[in-house]
Protein backbone atom coordinates (compact mmCIF):
# COMPACT_ATOMS: atom_id res chain seq x y z
CA MET A 1 -12.12 40.13 59.37
CA SER A 2 -11.95 37.89 56.30
CA PRO A 3 -9.42 38.45 53.46
CA LYS A 4 -12.28 39.54 51.20
CA GLU A 5 -13.49 42.07 53.81
CA ASN A 6 -9.94 43.35 54.25
CA ARG A 7 -9.64 43.72 50.49
CA SER A 8 -12.93 45.58 50.28
CA LYS A 9 -12.01 47.94 53.11
CA ALA A 10 -8.61 48.68 51.56
CA ALA A 11 -10.17 49.26 48.18
CA TRP A 12 -12.66 51.77 49.52
CA LEU A 13 -9.95 53.55 51.49
CA SER A 14 -7.91 53.80 48.28
CA PHE A 15 -10.90 55.12 46.37
CA ALA A 16 -11.72 57.61 49.12
CA LEU A 17 -8.15 58.88 49.07
CA VAL A 18 -8.26 59.41 45.31
CA LEU A 19 -11.65 61.14 45.63
CA ALA A 20 -10.44 63.34 48.48
CA VAL A 21 -7.35 64.39 46.54
CA GLY A 22 -9.51 65.17 43.52
CA ILE A 23 -11.95 67.23 45.58
CA GLY A 24 -9.09 69.04 47.26
CA ILE A 25 -7.44 69.93 43.97
CA GLY A 26 -10.76 71.03 42.51
CA SER A 27 -11.49 73.19 45.55
CA TYR A 28 -8.08 74.81 45.30
CA PHE A 29 -8.56 75.82 41.69
CA ARG A 30 -12.09 77.04 42.32
CA SER A 31 -11.19 79.12 45.35
CA GLU A 32 -7.74 80.36 44.41
CA THR A 33 -7.64 80.59 40.64
CA LEU A 34 -10.88 80.35 38.70
CA VAL A 35 -13.37 82.25 40.85
CA PRO A 36 -11.29 85.41 41.38
CA ALA A 37 -10.54 85.66 37.65
CA ALA A 38 -14.21 85.48 36.80
CA VAL A 39 -15.45 87.62 39.67
CA ALA A 40 -13.02 90.41 38.87
CA ALA A 41 -14.90 91.03 35.63
CA SER A 42 -18.06 92.46 37.14
CA GLN A 43 -19.97 93.40 40.28
CA GLY A 44 -23.69 92.73 40.56
CA ALA A 45 -26.45 94.40 42.55
CA ALA A 46 -25.44 95.85 45.91
CA GLY A 47 -21.80 95.24 45.10
CA ARG A 48 -22.07 91.47 45.32
CA PRO A 49 -19.73 89.53 42.99
CA SER A 50 -21.43 88.50 39.76
CA PRO A 51 -19.11 86.75 37.29
CA VAL A 52 -19.97 87.30 33.63
CA LYS A 53 -16.75 86.35 31.87
CA ALA A 54 -15.74 82.92 30.62
CA LEU A 55 -13.26 81.01 32.75
CA ALA A 56 -9.76 81.41 31.42
CA ASP A 57 -8.78 77.77 31.91
CA ARG A 58 -11.49 75.11 31.65
CA ASP A 59 -10.50 71.64 32.78
CA VAL A 60 -12.48 69.94 30.02
CA TYR A 61 -11.91 69.33 26.33
CA TYR A 62 -14.45 70.69 23.85
CA PRO A 63 -13.90 68.83 20.55
CA GLY A 64 -13.29 71.10 17.60
CA THR A 65 -12.52 74.19 19.70
CA GLU A 66 -8.79 73.87 20.40
CA ASP A 67 -5.81 74.12 18.10
CA LEU A 68 -3.29 71.32 18.25
CA ALA A 69 0.19 72.78 18.59
CA PRO A 70 2.81 71.77 15.99
CA ASP A 71 4.73 69.80 18.63
CA GLU A 72 1.68 68.30 20.40
CA MET A 73 0.06 64.88 20.44
CA ARG A 74 -3.57 64.40 21.45
CA VAL A 75 -4.79 60.93 22.41
CA THR A 76 -8.51 60.27 22.88
CA ALA A 77 -10.08 57.17 24.39
CA CYS A 78 -12.88 56.23 21.99
CA GLY A 79 -13.44 52.80 23.49
CA THR A 80 -12.12 51.50 26.81
CA GLY A 81 -14.49 48.76 27.96
CA MET A 82 -14.56 45.00 28.02
CA PRO A 83 -15.63 42.69 25.16
CA SER A 84 -19.35 43.28 25.74
CA VAL A 85 -20.13 46.92 25.01
CA ARG A 86 -22.41 49.05 27.14
CA PRO A 87 -23.71 52.65 26.88
CA LYS A 88 -20.95 53.98 29.12
CA GLN A 89 -18.01 52.28 27.39
CA ALA A 90 -17.49 51.16 23.82
CA ALA A 91 -15.04 48.43 22.88
CA ALA A 92 -11.36 49.14 22.25
CA CYS A 93 -10.48 52.22 20.18
CA TRP A 94 -7.86 54.95 20.57
CA LEU A 95 -7.54 58.07 18.40
CA VAL A 96 -4.11 59.68 18.07
CA GLU A 97 -3.88 63.16 16.53
CA LEU A 98 -0.55 64.81 15.80
CA GLY A 99 0.47 68.42 15.32
CA ASN A 100 1.53 67.65 11.75
CA GLY A 101 -2.12 66.95 10.84
CA ASP A 102 -1.95 63.16 10.89
CA LYS A 103 -4.68 61.14 12.60
CA PHE A 104 -4.52 57.44 13.46
CA LEU A 105 -6.99 54.95 14.90
CA PHE A 106 -5.68 52.05 16.97
CA ASP A 107 -8.36 49.36 17.04
CA ILE A 108 -11.95 50.19 16.19
CA GLY A 109 -14.15 48.00 18.34
CA ALA A 110 -17.93 47.79 18.58
CA GLN A 111 -19.72 51.10 19.24
CA SER A 112 -16.55 53.17 18.92
CA MET A 113 -17.76 55.04 15.82
CA SER A 114 -20.18 57.02 17.98
CA ARG A 115 -17.24 58.22 20.07
CA ILE A 116 -15.21 59.04 16.97
CA SER A 117 -18.14 61.11 15.68
CA ALA A 118 -18.25 63.03 18.95
CA MET A 119 -14.68 64.24 18.33
CA LYS A 120 -16.04 66.35 15.43
CA ILE A 121 -13.45 65.25 12.91
CA PRO A 122 -14.53 65.08 9.26
CA TYR A 123 -14.57 61.42 8.27
CA ASP A 124 -12.47 62.13 5.21
CA TYR A 125 -9.56 62.86 7.59
CA LEU A 126 -9.76 59.33 9.03
CA ASP A 127 -8.13 56.85 6.67
CA LYS A 128 -5.50 55.05 8.80
CA VAL A 129 -6.50 52.18 11.11
CA PHE A 130 -4.13 49.85 12.99
CA ILE A 131 -5.76 46.67 14.27
CA GLY A 132 -4.04 44.73 17.05
CA HIS A 133 -5.96 41.51 16.42
CA LEU A 134 -9.18 40.37 14.82
CA HIS A 135 -11.47 39.93 17.81
CA LEU A 136 -14.86 41.61 17.42
CA ASP A 137 -14.24 44.06 20.25
CA HIS A 138 -11.19 45.40 18.41
CA MET A 139 -12.44 45.74 14.82
CA ALA A 140 -16.26 45.43 14.70
CA ASP A 141 -16.85 49.07 13.73
CA LEU A 142 -14.38 49.00 10.85
CA PRO A 143 -17.18 48.47 8.27
CA SER A 144 -18.93 51.56 9.64
CA LEU A 145 -15.82 53.71 9.23
CA TRP A 146 -15.27 52.29 5.75
CA ILE A 147 -18.79 52.93 4.43
CA SER A 148 -19.59 56.01 6.52
CA GLY A 149 -16.31 57.54 5.37
CA LEU A 150 -17.26 56.88 1.76
CA LYS A 151 -20.67 58.52 2.26
CA ALA A 152 -18.98 61.45 4.01
CA ASN A 153 -16.82 61.89 0.88
CA ARG A 154 -13.56 60.21 1.76
CA THR A 155 -12.13 60.25 -1.76
CA TYR A 156 -9.26 57.83 -1.23
CA PRO A 157 -8.93 54.27 0.05
CA LEU A 158 -9.32 53.33 3.70
CA ARG A 159 -5.88 52.12 4.81
CA VAL A 160 -5.79 49.22 7.25
CA TRP A 161 -2.77 47.70 8.98
CA GLY A 162 -3.14 44.39 10.76
CA PRO A 163 -1.23 41.20 11.59
CA SER A 164 -0.91 37.92 9.77
CA SER A 165 -1.43 34.60 11.53
CA THR A 166 -0.31 31.00 11.24
CA ASP A 167 -3.02 30.41 8.61
CA PRO A 168 -3.61 32.97 5.81
CA GLU A 169 -7.35 32.60 6.39
CA LEU A 170 -6.84 33.99 9.89
CA GLY A 171 -4.91 37.07 8.77
CA THR A 172 -6.00 40.67 8.22
CA LYS A 173 -5.94 40.44 4.42
CA ALA A 174 -8.44 37.57 4.36
CA SER A 175 -10.60 39.35 6.93
CA MET A 176 -10.81 42.46 4.76
CA GLU A 177 -11.68 40.39 1.67
CA TYR A 178 -14.52 38.77 3.58
CA MET A 179 -15.66 42.18 4.83
CA ARG A 180 -16.04 43.39 1.26
CA LYS A 181 -17.98 40.28 0.32
CA MET A 182 -20.22 40.64 3.35
CA TYR A 183 -21.11 44.21 2.34
CA ALA A 184 -21.40 43.54 -1.41
CA TRP A 185 -25.00 44.84 -1.45
CA GLU A 186 -23.87 48.10 0.17
CA VAL A 187 -21.02 48.52 -2.31
CA ALA A 188 -23.25 47.82 -5.32
CA SER A 189 -25.90 50.25 -4.10
CA VAL A 190 -23.57 53.27 -3.88
CA THR A 191 -21.36 52.71 -6.92
CA GLY A 192 -22.08 55.38 -9.52
CA LYS A 193 -24.45 57.23 -7.16
CA LEU A 194 -21.97 58.69 -4.71
CA ASP A 195 -18.36 59.73 -5.14
CA ASP A 196 -17.16 56.17 -4.70
CA ARG A 197 -13.41 56.61 -4.98
CA GLY A 198 -13.17 55.78 -1.28
CA ILE A 199 -14.72 52.33 -1.66
CA GLN A 200 -11.30 50.70 -1.93
CA VAL A 201 -9.55 49.24 1.13
CA GLU A 202 -5.76 49.23 1.13
CA VAL A 203 -4.68 46.31 3.30
CA ASN A 204 -1.20 46.28 4.84
CA GLU A 205 -0.76 42.89 6.47
CA PHE A 206 2.47 42.54 8.43
CA ASP A 207 4.19 39.57 10.04
CA TYR A 208 2.78 39.08 13.54
CA LYS A 209 6.14 37.57 14.63
CA ALA A 210 8.15 40.68 13.71
CA VAL A 211 9.73 42.34 16.74
CA ASN A 212 9.86 46.14 16.78
CA LYS A 213 9.58 46.18 12.99
CA VAL A 214 8.64 49.40 11.19
CA ILE A 215 5.23 48.93 9.54
CA TYR A 216 4.52 52.61 8.81
CA LYS A 217 6.88 55.51 8.08
CA GLU A 218 5.40 58.68 6.59
CA ASN A 219 5.42 62.41 7.29
CA GLY A 220 7.86 62.07 10.17
CA VAL A 221 5.77 59.37 11.89
CA THR A 222 7.12 55.87 12.57
CA ILE A 223 4.92 53.02 13.81
CA ARG A 224 6.36 49.68 14.87
CA SER A 225 4.69 46.43 15.83
CA ILE A 226 5.65 43.91 18.49
CA PRO A 227 4.07 40.51 19.07
CA ALA A 228 1.37 40.12 21.71
CA ILE A 229 0.16 37.02 23.53
CA HIS A 230 -3.61 36.63 23.30
CA ALA A 231 -5.93 33.78 22.28
CA ILE A 232 -4.01 32.40 19.26
CA ASP A 233 -1.11 33.50 17.06
CA GLY A 234 -1.80 36.81 15.31
CA ALA A 235 -2.08 39.41 18.07
CA THR A 236 0.17 42.48 18.15
CA SER A 237 0.85 45.74 19.95
CA PHE A 238 1.98 49.09 18.50
CA ILE A 239 4.50 51.84 19.22
CA LEU A 240 4.11 55.24 17.51
CA GLU A 241 6.99 57.71 17.48
CA TRP A 242 6.82 61.30 16.27
CA ASN A 243 8.64 64.52 17.09
CA GLY A 244 10.45 62.96 20.04
CA LEU A 245 7.19 61.64 21.54
CA LYS A 246 6.23 57.97 21.92
CA PHE A 247 2.80 56.39 22.29
CA ALA A 248 2.52 52.66 23.04
CA TYR A 249 -0.70 50.67 22.73
CA SER A 250 -1.01 47.06 23.84
CA SER A 251 -4.38 46.14 22.30
CA ASP A 252 -4.94 42.79 24.11
CA THR A 253 -2.05 40.85 25.58
CA SER A 254 -0.88 39.04 28.64
CA PRO A 255 2.46 40.28 30.05
CA ASN A 256 5.32 39.67 27.63
CA ASN A 257 9.01 40.39 27.23
CA TRP A 258 8.58 42.29 23.95
CA TRP A 259 6.54 45.00 25.65
CA ILE A 260 8.98 45.21 28.56
CA GLU A 261 11.94 45.60 26.22
CA HIS A 262 10.56 48.05 23.68
CA THR A 263 8.26 50.42 25.60
CA LYS A 264 10.64 51.62 28.30
CA GLY A 265 10.29 55.35 28.95
CA VAL A 266 7.50 56.04 26.45
CA ASP A 267 5.48 59.18 27.02
CA ILE A 268 2.07 57.52 27.23
CA SER A 269 1.68 53.78 27.73
CA VAL A 270 -1.86 52.47 27.10
CA HIS A 271 -2.04 48.88 28.28
CA GLU A 272 -4.90 46.65 29.23
CA SER A 273 -5.67 46.32 32.93
CA PHE A 274 -8.43 43.75 32.80
CA ALA A 275 -11.03 43.17 35.50
CA PRO A 276 -9.40 41.36 38.46
CA PRO A 277 -10.56 37.78 39.06
CA GLN A 278 -12.70 38.58 42.08
CA VAL A 279 -14.58 41.28 40.18
CA LEU A 280 -15.42 38.78 37.43
CA ILE A 281 -16.62 36.37 40.10
CA ASP A 282 -18.70 38.97 41.96
CA LYS A 283 -20.10 40.92 39.01
CA GLN A 284 -20.58 38.33 36.28
CA LYS A 285 -20.75 35.20 38.41
CA PHE A 286 -17.82 33.60 36.61
CA PRO A 287 -16.63 30.37 38.21
CA VAL A 288 -13.22 30.66 39.83
CA GLN A 289 -11.73 28.19 37.36
CA LEU A 290 -12.63 30.58 34.51
CA ALA A 291 -12.11 33.95 36.22
CA LEU A 292 -8.50 33.26 37.20
CA PRO A 293 -7.08 32.29 33.78
CA LEU A 294 -9.23 34.83 31.90
CA SER A 295 -8.04 37.75 34.00
CA THR A 296 -4.40 36.80 34.46
CA LEU A 297 -3.38 34.61 31.51
CA ALA A 298 -5.58 35.57 28.54
CA HIS A 299 -5.39 39.21 29.62
CA THR A 300 -3.33 41.36 31.99
CA SER A 301 -4.75 41.79 35.49
CA PRO A 302 -4.31 45.09 37.37
CA ALA A 303 -1.48 43.74 39.57
CA GLN A 304 0.35 42.52 36.45
CA PHE A 305 -0.30 45.85 34.72
CA GLY A 306 1.30 47.62 37.66
CA LYS A 307 4.36 45.39 37.50
CA ILE A 308 4.74 46.10 33.76
CA MET A 309 4.55 49.86 34.34
CA ALA A 310 7.02 49.67 37.22
CA GLU A 311 9.52 47.97 34.91
CA THR A 312 8.97 50.21 31.85
CA LYS A 313 8.51 53.56 33.68
CA PRO A 314 6.42 55.58 31.20
CA ARG A 315 5.76 59.27 31.78
CA LEU A 316 2.10 58.28 32.17
CA ALA A 317 0.63 54.79 32.55
CA VAL A 318 -2.93 54.37 31.24
CA GLY A 319 -4.99 51.32 32.15
CA TYR A 320 -7.92 50.34 29.95
CA HIS A 321 -10.11 47.33 29.03
CA PHE A 322 -12.15 47.18 32.23
CA TYR A 323 -15.53 48.52 33.32
CA ASN A 324 -14.63 51.76 35.06
CA ASP A 325 -17.29 52.21 37.76
CA HIS A 326 -17.44 53.59 41.29
CA ASP A 327 -17.24 50.08 42.73
CA THR A 328 -14.72 48.54 40.31
CA LEU A 329 -12.16 51.34 40.15
CA PRO A 330 -11.09 50.88 43.80
CA ALA A 331 -10.29 47.21 43.14
CA GLN A 332 -8.23 48.20 40.11
CA LEU A 333 -6.31 50.82 42.06
CA GLU A 334 -5.68 48.56 45.02
CA ASP A 335 -4.15 45.84 42.85
CA ILE A 336 -2.12 48.24 40.67
CA ARG A 337 -0.66 50.01 43.69
CA ARG A 338 0.65 46.71 44.99
CA THR A 339 3.26 46.83 42.24
CA TYR A 340 3.38 50.39 40.81
CA GLU A 341 3.67 53.82 42.39
CA GLY A 342 4.13 56.02 39.32
CA PRO A 343 1.87 58.41 37.35
CA LEU A 344 -1.40 56.70 36.47
CA ALA A 345 -4.71 57.31 34.69
CA MET A 346 -7.53 54.78 34.54
CA ALA A 347 -9.27 55.25 31.24
CA THR A 348 -12.92 55.66 30.41
CA ASP A 349 -14.54 56.75 27.17
CA TYR A 350 -13.93 60.37 26.11
CA MET A 351 -10.82 60.78 28.26
CA VAL A 352 -8.35 63.04 26.45
CA PHE A 353 -4.56 63.25 26.86
CA ASN A 354 -2.60 66.21 25.47
CA VAL A 355 1.07 65.27 25.32
CA THR A 356 4.07 67.55 24.81
CA LYS A 357 7.68 67.18 25.86
CA ASP A 358 6.99 69.36 28.89
CA ASP A 359 3.57 68.23 30.05
CA ILE A 360 0.80 65.62 29.85
CA ARG A 361 -2.66 67.06 30.45
CA VAL A 362 -5.57 64.71 31.19
CA ARG A 363 -9.18 65.86 30.75
CA MET A 364 -12.62 64.57 29.85
CA ALA A 365 -14.28 65.65 26.61
CA ALA A 366 -17.62 67.42 26.69
CA ILE A 367 -19.61 65.69 23.95
CA ASP A 368 -22.56 66.75 21.83
CA GLU A 369 -24.99 63.85 21.62
CA ASP A 370 -26.87 65.62 18.81
CA ILE A 371 -23.75 65.77 16.66
CA TRP A 372 -24.07 65.40 12.89
CA PRO A 373 -21.13 64.11 10.85
CA MET A 374 -18.80 66.96 10.00
CA PRO A 375 -19.09 68.36 6.45
CA SER A 376 -16.64 67.01 3.91
CA THR A 377 -13.51 69.04 3.28
CA ARG A 378 -13.44 68.09 -0.42
CA PRO A 379 -15.88 68.71 -3.28
CA ARG A 380 -18.06 65.75 -4.18
CA GLN A 381 -17.74 64.20 -7.61
CA VAL A 382 -20.06 61.61 -9.12
CA ASP A 383 -19.38 59.58 -12.26
CA ARG A 384 -22.83 58.67 -13.55
CA SER A 385 -21.29 56.44 -16.22
CA ARG A 386 -20.29 53.95 -13.53
CA LYS A 387 -22.84 51.33 -12.65
CA GLY A 388 -23.11 49.27 -9.53
CA ALA A 389 -22.94 45.51 -9.62
CA GLY A 390 -26.58 45.37 -8.67
CA VAL A 391 -29.49 46.87 -10.59
CA MET A 392 -33.10 47.50 -9.71
CA SER A 393 -35.43 45.10 -11.50
CA GLU A 394 -38.53 46.08 -13.41
CA PHE A 395 -40.53 44.33 -10.70
CA THR A 396 -39.21 46.68 -7.99
CA LYS A 397 -39.61 49.72 -10.24
CA SER A 398 -43.22 48.79 -10.87
CA GLY A 399 -44.02 49.56 -7.26
CA ASP A 400 -42.78 53.15 -7.50
CA TYR A 401 -45.38 55.73 -6.42
CA PHE A 402 -43.96 58.82 -8.13
CA MET A 403 -45.37 61.93 -6.41
CA LYS A 404 -44.63 64.32 -9.25
CA ASP A 405 -46.78 67.18 -7.95
CA VAL A 406 -45.22 67.09 -4.48
CA LEU A 407 -41.68 66.66 -5.73
CA THR A 408 -41.95 69.36 -8.40
CA ASP A 409 -42.79 71.97 -5.78
CA LEU A 410 -40.10 70.70 -3.41
CA TRP A 411 -37.37 70.60 -6.07
CA ASP A 412 -38.29 74.07 -7.33
CA GLU A 413 -38.16 75.47 -3.78
CA VAL A 414 -34.73 73.99 -3.05
CA ASN A 415 -33.40 75.14 -6.44
CA ARG A 416 -34.57 78.71 -5.76
CA GLU A 417 -33.06 78.69 -2.27
CA ASN A 418 -29.66 77.57 -3.57
CA GLY A 419 -29.55 79.25 -6.98
CA THR A 420 -29.44 75.90 -8.82
CA ASP A 421 -31.39 74.24 -11.59
CA VAL A 422 -31.34 70.51 -10.85
CA LYS A 423 -33.97 68.76 -12.96
CA LEU A 424 -36.50 66.35 -11.48
CA PRO A 425 -36.16 63.00 -13.30
CA ALA A 426 -39.09 61.26 -14.93
CA GLY A 427 -39.29 58.67 -12.16
CA SER A 428 -38.35 58.73 -8.51
CA VAL A 429 -36.19 55.59 -8.53
CA TRP A 430 -32.57 56.72 -8.00
């Protein structure tokens, strides 16, 4: 049997073992715990069991339905995939919620805003974003959070933390300035029409070379940065500490001494475990001369991830930044278990981790694909005296087809329904 066939056989055996353990655990809970509790509630026709009560303990997270305890941390994977997004996995994004009410986003890659929406958090609660580096798959959805938050009535600036680089033009501050210029039309179109106090972006650029330096310290929460090794200078990783709990997030990096030194014993260690070289070769037809350095030098391969976790010994190791499928997960597990035997979760989008000093609970979120943005928690205010940088020309106004008869009836109906008296303007251009 060839080495590749041996590898494949071992991988499937590993996967089968994980699946069998999962099925066994699930069967235990169904037969010994959940079913009797539900059945005891009622008996159906002819005395046959007929459960009618809700299960007491559901092994799934329903966003917006559970309190967060004062001493609890909840971490949600809002993007776990590789640089090219797909329906199943958005690009890098991790939401951290704390029992003190604070919420933090670590990276906000392409497509992650849809996952953030599914968590049913009002956008005006989300104002703190920590970006590990400025690759598209780690910050592409930042403009969406910025503008969508404004439209959802975030009444204060969006706060962004990100690294510097060797050239100021490659740092986070310059990136945010260019973002504002890129969306100048958007900014001009909402100024004076919506409550635009949230249009400002507060940029906190920190030195990418700083080792374990405090970059955030508020409300009992401390966040430090450490350098990362990825692409060019200007990549970083983060460590959050609160209430005796520690969360570490690598963003993108190859193995480095800073992570080994400063993340020992953290409660939850989220680190990239990129697709192994052979998977890149088989799945995406990468040449060997590209697959090897991309997987093991530009990123951290599963075997290297395992070695890092073996040396740092977190309460729970979490691998991300790979396509988590039925045929790729076994290869990840096989390589990780070459070097690490400790507690492990392999992330996919909507995986949720509830962390306390006594326990770490891992579940999947049940999402509502018809979700609307949550209502604002603050009253809207609009200053009509403020004007946007852009105005509508007489040429554009001349094309207005003002349906006064239709709109008069509609406005009157809505006013009656809501007990208001908002006047229909003379023209429909707003």
